[in-house]
Amino acid sequence: MVDSTMTDPCPKIEMLSAYVDGELPSVEMFALDEHVSSCVRCRETVSGIHLLGSALNEEDAPPIDLVPEIMERIKCERDVVEVMGMGWSRWSPVSLSAAAGIMLAIGVLVGHGVFSHSASSTDPLTGRMWAFDLIPPGGVCIHNNACFEVRAQ
């Protein structure tokens, strides 16, 4: 059979931190003194709380000038983030619209120049490429004669 004192938490365990810190009224302190002397689980918990307090007291205190040092690091990191974030955000919508319009105009001019040549041009290569006049890139010929008919030069 299992000992229930080791598996069930003691109902007084929630008061032990205040007991160790001396924050309880004297009547409750006296009652918990008697309880801790008879309850193994509470005695171990009190011992653990004392060890934790001792370990925390042994730790070095942070330096006095820690706050200014941390604030300086935060400022440096903020400056880096601001410099990195200046990519597309510095372009106004008007500038981007103007750039898009210029690119579109260049595309139209280039396209017009490419497709304005006729098969009767003096360029010998143009006569051979007449099959692509009405067929978009990747298009399929309707029938064999439409793509491979030889034109008179």
Foldseek 3Di string as FASTA:
>chain_A
DDDVLVVDDDPCLVCLLCLLVVNDPPVVVVVVVVVLVVRPVSVVVNVVSVVVVVVVVPDDDDDPCPVVVVVVVVVVVVVVVVVVPPPCVVDDPVNVVVVVVVVVVVVVVVVCVVLVDALPDPPPVSVVPNLCNPAPVVGDDPDDCSRPPHDDD
